[in-house]
Each structure stands twice: as structure tokens, then as C-alpha cells.
Amino acid sequence: MSVQSVEETLEKAQNAGGEVVKQKSADGEHMQLGEFQDTEGNLVGVLKWGM
């Protein structure tokens, strides 16, 4: 899922009862990634293009 801010999205997921699986990391110079597990056990990946 493409987001405006990986950090904010992971924080919102955690505040809603989810669990952060992978903190924000950079993939090269053009993309930021993160992952969380929602309250139903679904693994969700988030990304932001650009730095």
C-alpha cells in the first residue's frame, strides 16, 4: 500500500491495536518500506516512493 508517511502509518496501525513487524527502512534512495500486522492477523506492507 502506498502511503504519504511510513512512520505515521506504522504508528497509527500500532495505536489501533496492530503490531509493527518491520520498522521503516530505506530501499536504495527512492523508496521507504515498513510492515505491520493488523488485529485480524493480516500482514500489510506500506511504501513511500521518494525520500
PDB file of N, CA and C in Angstrom:
ATOM      1  N   MET A   1       0.844  -1.152   0.000  1.00  0.00           N
ATOM      2  CA  MET A   1       0.000   0.000   0.000  1.00  0.00           C
ATOM      3  C   MET A   1       0.900   1.230   0.000  1.00  0.00           C
ATOM      4  N   SER A   2       0.646   2.168  -0.882  1.00  0.00           N
ATOM      5  CA  SER A   2       1.414   3.403  -0.963  1.00  0.00           C
ATOM      6  C   SER A   2       0.859   4.409   0.053  1.00  0.00           C
ATOM      7  N   VAL A   3       1.758   5.026   0.819  1.00  0.00           N
ATOM      8  CA  VAL A   3       1.355   5.965   1.869  1.00  0.00           C
ATOM      9  C   VAL A   3       2.171   7.245   1.775  1.00  0.00           C
ATOM     10  N   GLN A   4       1.696   8.300   2.441  1.00  0.00           N
ATOM     11  CA  GLN A   4       2.423   9.573   2.488  1.00  0.00           C
ATOM     12  C   GLN A   4       3.591   9.506   3.476  1.00  0.00           C
ATOM     13  N   SER A   5       3.411   8.763   4.583  1.00  0.00           N
ATOM     14  CA  SER A   5       4.452   8.646   5.599  1.00  0.00           C
ATOM     15  C   SER A   5       4.446   7.233   6.178  1.00  0.00           C
ATOM     16  N   VAL A   6       5.530   6.516   6.003  1.00  0.00           N
ATOM     17  CA  VAL A   6       5.646   5.166   6.542  1.00  0.00           C
ATOM     18  C   VAL A   6       5.599   5.209   8.068  1.00  0.00           C
ATOM     19  N   GLU A   7       6.338   6.133   8.682  1.00  0.00           N
ATOM     20  CA  GLU A   7       6.380   6.227  10.142  1.00  0.00           C
ATOM     21  C   GLU A   7       4.997   6.490  10.731  1.00  0.00           C
ATOM     22  N   GLU A   8       4.259   7.451  10.173  1.00  0.00           N
ATOM     23  CA  GLU A   8       2.932   7.784  10.685  1.00  0.00           C
ATOM     24  C   GLU A   8       1.960   6.622  10.499  1.00  0.00           C
ATOM     25  N   THR A   9       2.042   5.940   9.377  1.00  0.00           N
ATOM     26  CA  THR A   9       1.148   4.816   9.121  1.00  0.00           C
ATOM     27  C   THR A   9       1.407   3.685  10.103  1.00  0.00           C
ATOM     28  N   LEU A  10       2.674   3.376  10.372  1.00  0.00           N
ATOM     29  CA  LEU A  10       3.001   2.325  11.332  1.00  0.00           C
ATOM     30  C   LEU A  10       2.539   2.712  12.738  1.00  0.00           C
ATOM     31  N   GLU A  11       2.683   3.975  13.084  1.00  0.00           N
ATOM     32  CA  GLU A  11       2.247   4.455  14.397  1.00  0.00           C
ATOM     33  C   GLU A  11       0.724   4.346  14.533  1.00  0.00           C
ATOM     34  N   LYS A  12      -0.006   4.725  13.499  1.00  0.00           N
ATOM     35  CA  LYS A  12      -1.471   4.625  13.526  1.00  0.00           C
ATOM     36  C   LYS A  12      -1.915   3.170  13.644  1.00  0.00           C
ATOM     37  N   ALA A  13      -1.246   2.278  12.916  1.00  0.00           N
ATOM     38  CA  ALA A  13      -1.585   0.859  12.985  1.00  0.00           C
ATOM     39  C   ALA A  13      -1.369   0.327  14.394  1.00  0.00           C
ATOM     40  N   GLN A  14      -0.263   0.709  15.000  1.00  0.00           N
ATOM     41  CA  GLN A  14       0.044   0.250  16.349  1.00  0.00           C
ATOM     42  C   GLN A  14      -0.956   0.820  17.355  1.00  0.00           C
ATOM     43  N   ASN A  15      -1.315   2.072  17.218  1.00  0.00           N
ATOM     44  CA  ASN A  15      -2.288   2.693  18.122  1.00  0.00           C
ATOM     45  C   ASN A  15      -3.674   2.066  17.989  1.00  0.00           C
ATOM     46  N   ALA A  16      -3.965   1.477  16.831  1.00  0.00           N
ATOM     47  CA  ALA A  16      -5.261   0.836  16.594  1.00  0.00           C
ATOM     48  C   ALA A  16      -5.256  -0.637  17.014  1.00  0.00           C
ATOM     49  N   GLY A  17      -4.154  -1.113  17.596  1.00  0.00           N
ATOM     50  CA  GLY A  17      -4.101  -2.481  18.091  1.00  0.00           C
ATOM     51  C   GLY A  17      -3.278  -3.420  17.239  1.00  0.00           C
ATOM     52  N   GLY A  18      -2.699  -2.917  16.160  1.00  0.00           N
ATOM     53  CA  GLY A  18      -1.848  -3.744  15.310  1.00  0.00           C
ATOM     54  C   GLY A  18      -0.447  -3.854  15.888  1.00  0.00           C
ATOM     55  N   GLU A  19       0.382  -4.627  15.209  1.00  0.00           N
ATOM     56  CA  GLU A  19       1.761  -4.843  15.655  1.00  0.00           C
ATOM     57  C   GLU A  19       2.719  -4.524  14.516  1.00  0.00           C
ATOM     58  N   VAL A  20       3.686  -3.668  14.789  1.00  0.00           N
ATOM     59  CA  VAL A  20       4.703  -3.348  13.783  1.00  0.00           C
ATOM     60  C   VAL A  20       5.627  -4.546  13.654  1.00  0.00           C
ATOM     61  N   VAL A  21       5.755  -5.059  12.432  1.00  0.00           N
ATOM     62  CA  VAL A  21       6.591  -6.225  12.162  1.00  0.00           C
ATOM     63  C   VAL A  21       7.961  -5.779  11.657  1.00  0.00           C
ATOM     64  N   LYS A  22       7.979  -4.728  10.845  1.00  0.00           N
ATOM     65  CA  LYS A  22       9.236  -4.205  10.294  1.00  0.00           C
ATOM     66  C   LYS A  22       9.179  -2.688  10.330  1.00  0.00           C
ATOM     67  N   GLN A  23      10.077  -2.085  11.095  1.00  0.00           N
ATOM     68  CA  GLN A  23      10.152  -0.630  11.173  1.00  0.00           C
ATOM     69  C   GLN A  23      10.537  -0.051   9.809  1.00  0.00           C
ATOM     70  N   LYS A  24      10.390   1.240   9.674  1.00  0.00           N
ATOM     71  CA  LYS A  24      10.731   1.912   8.427  1.00  0.00           C
ATOM     72  C   LYS A  24      12.177   1.638   8.048  1.00  0.00           C
ATOM     73  N   SER A  25      12.386   1.301   6.800  1.00  0.00           N
ATOM     74  CA  SER A  25      13.735   1.118   6.267  1.00  0.00           C
ATOM     75  C   SER A  25      13.757   1.678   4.854  1.00  0.00           C
ATOM     76  N   ALA A  26      14.938   1.993   4.387  1.00  0.00           N
ATOM     77  CA  ALA A  26      15.097   2.527   3.036  1.00  0.00           C
ATOM     78  C   ALA A  26      15.544   1.412   2.102  1.00  0.00           C
ATOM     79  N   ASP A  27      14.981   1.431   0.913  1.00  0.00           N
ATOM     80  CA  ASP A  27      15.404   0.507  -0.139  1.00  0.00           C
ATOM     81  C   ASP A  27      16.041   1.369  -1.221  1.00  0.00           C
ATOM     82  N   GLY A  28      17.339   1.522  -1.130  1.00  0.00           N
ATOM     83  CA  GLY A  28      18.029   2.431  -2.033  1.00  0.00           C
ATOM     84  C   GLY A  28      17.735   3.873  -1.652  1.00  0.00           C
ATOM     85  N   GLU A  29      17.711   4.739  -2.648  1.00  0.00           N
ATOM     86  CA  GLU A  29      17.482   6.163  -2.401  1.00  0.00           C
ATOM     87  C   GLU A  29      16.092   6.611  -2.824  1.00  0.00           C
ATOM     88  N   HIS A  30      15.239   5.669  -3.226  1.00  0.00           N
ATOM     89  CA  HIS A  30      13.971   6.077  -3.822  1.00  0.00           C
ATOM     90  C   HIS A  30      12.733   5.519  -3.140  1.00  0.00           C
ATOM     91  N   MET A  31      12.887   4.684  -2.112  1.00  0.00           N
ATOM     92  CA  MET A  31      11.716   4.054  -1.521  1.00  0.00           C
ATOM     93  C   MET A  31      11.935   3.761  -0.042  1.00  0.00           C
ATOM     94  N   GLN A  32      10.876   3.977   0.756  1.00  0.00           N
ATOM     95  CA  GLN A  32      10.867   3.607   2.160  1.00  0.00           C
ATOM     96  C   GLN A  32       9.822   2.514   2.349  1.00  0.00           C
ATOM     97  N   LEU A  33      10.123   1.535   3.206  1.00  0.00           N
ATOM     98  CA  LEU A  33       9.252   0.381   3.418  1.00  0.00           C
ATOM     99  C   LEU A  33       8.982   0.157   4.897  1.00  0.00           C
ATOM    100  N   GLY A  34       7.885  -0.510   5.203  1.00  0.00           N
ATOM    101  CA  GLY A  34       7.558  -0.943   6.556  1.00  0.00           C
ATOM    102  C   GLY A  34       6.472  -2.000   6.481  1.00  0.00           C
ATOM    103  N   GLU A  35       6.264  -2.735   7.576  1.00  0.00           N
ATOM    104  CA  GLU A  35       5.233  -3.769   7.616  1.00  0.00           C
ATOM    105  C   GLU A  35       4.575  -3.774   8.983  1.00  0.00           C
ATOM    106  N   PHE A  36       3.260  -4.063   8.987  1.00  0.00           N
ATOM    107  CA  PHE A  36       2.561  -4.272  10.238  1.00  0.00           C
ATOM    108  C   PHE A  36       1.562  -5.398  10.078  1.00  0.00           C
ATOM    109  N   GLN A  37       1.171  -5.956  11.220  1.00  0.00           N
ATOM    110  CA  GLN A  37       0.141  -6.992  11.248  1.00  0.00           C
ATOM    111  C   GLN A  37      -1.086  -6.366  11.891  1.00  0.00           C
ATOM    112  N   ASP A  38      -2.233  -6.451  11.212  1.00  0.00           N
ATOM    113  CA  ASP A  38      -3.445  -5.853  11.765  1.00  0.00           C
ATOM    114  C   ASP A  38      -4.046  -6.753  12.839  1.00  0.00           C
ATOM    115  N   THR A  39      -5.139  -6.299  13.430  1.00  0.00           N
ATOM    116  CA  THR A  39      -5.744  -7.035  14.549  1.00  0.00           C
ATOM    117  C   THR A  39      -6.337  -8.373  14.132  1.00  0.00           C
ATOM    118  N   GLU A  40      -6.504  -8.599  12.847  1.00  0.00           N
ATOM    119  CA  GLU A  40      -7.035  -9.869  12.362  1.00  0.00           C
ATOM    120  C   GLU A  40      -5.932 -10.798  11.863  1.00  0.00           C
ATOM    121  N   GLY A  41      -4.673 -10.373  12.011  1.00  0.00           N
ATOM    122  CA  GLY A  41      -3.547 -11.215  11.635  1.00  0.00           C
ATOM    123  C   GLY A  41      -3.038 -11.028  10.219  1.00  0.00           C
ATOM    124  N   ASN A  42      -3.614 -10.080   9.482  1.00  0.00           N
ATOM    125  CA  ASN A  42      -3.160  -9.821   8.108  1.00  0.00           C
ATOM    126  C   ASN A  42      -1.858  -9.033   8.117  1.00  0.00           C
ATOM    127  N   LEU A  43      -0.912  -9.442   7.300  1.00  0.00           N
ATOM    128  CA  LEU A  43       0.352  -8.733   7.159  1.00  0.00           C
ATOM    129  C   LEU A  43       0.193  -7.687   6.058  1.00  0.00           C
ATOM    130  N   VAL A  44       0.514  -6.433   6.395  1.00  0.00           N
ATOM    131  CA  VAL A  44       0.345  -5.329   5.454  1.00  0.00           C
ATOM    132  C   VAL A  44       1.682  -4.636   5.258  1.00  0.00           C
ATOM    133  N   GLY A  45       2.093  -4.486   4.017  1.00  0.00           N
ATOM    134  CA  GLY A  45       3.304  -3.756   3.686  1.00  0.00           C
ATOM    135  C   GLY A  45       2.942  -2.365   3.224  1.00  0.00           C
ATOM    136  N   VAL A  46       3.715  -1.374   3.658  1.00  0.00           N
ATOM    137  CA  VAL A  46       3.499   0.007   3.234  1.00  0.00           C
ATOM    138  C   VAL A  46       4.771   0.533   2.607  1.00  0.00           C
ATOM    139  N   LEU A  47       4.617   1.422   1.640  1.00  0.00           N
ATOM    140  CA  LEU A  47       5.783   2.014   0.995  1.00  0.00           C
ATOM    141  C   LEU A  47       5.523   3.455   0.604  1.00  0.00           C
ATOM    142  N   LYS A  48       6.576   4.199   0.542  1.00  0.00           N
ATOM    143  CA  LYS A  48       6.546   5.579   0.099  1.00  0.00           C
ATOM    144  C   LYS A  48       7.638   5.748  -0.941  1.00  0.00           C
ATOM    145  N   TRP A  49       7.246   6.201  -2.120  1.00  0.00           N
ATOM    146  CA  TRP A  49       8.223   6.476  -3.173  1.00  0.00           C
ATOM    147  C   TRP A  49       8.854   7.831  -2.893  1.00  0.00           C
ATOM    148  N   GLY A  50      10.137   7.922  -3.087  1.00  0.00           N
ATOM    149  CA  GLY A  50      10.874   9.162  -2.829  1.00  0.00           C
ATOM    150  C   GLY A  50      11.318   9.218  -1.385  1.00  0.00           C
ATOM    151  N   MET A  51      12.242  10.094  -1.110  1.00  0.00           N
ATOM    152  CA  MET A  51      12.758  10.208   0.245  1.00  0.00           C
ATOM    153  C   MET A  51      12.333  11.468   0.862  1.00  0.00           C
TER     154      MET A  51
END
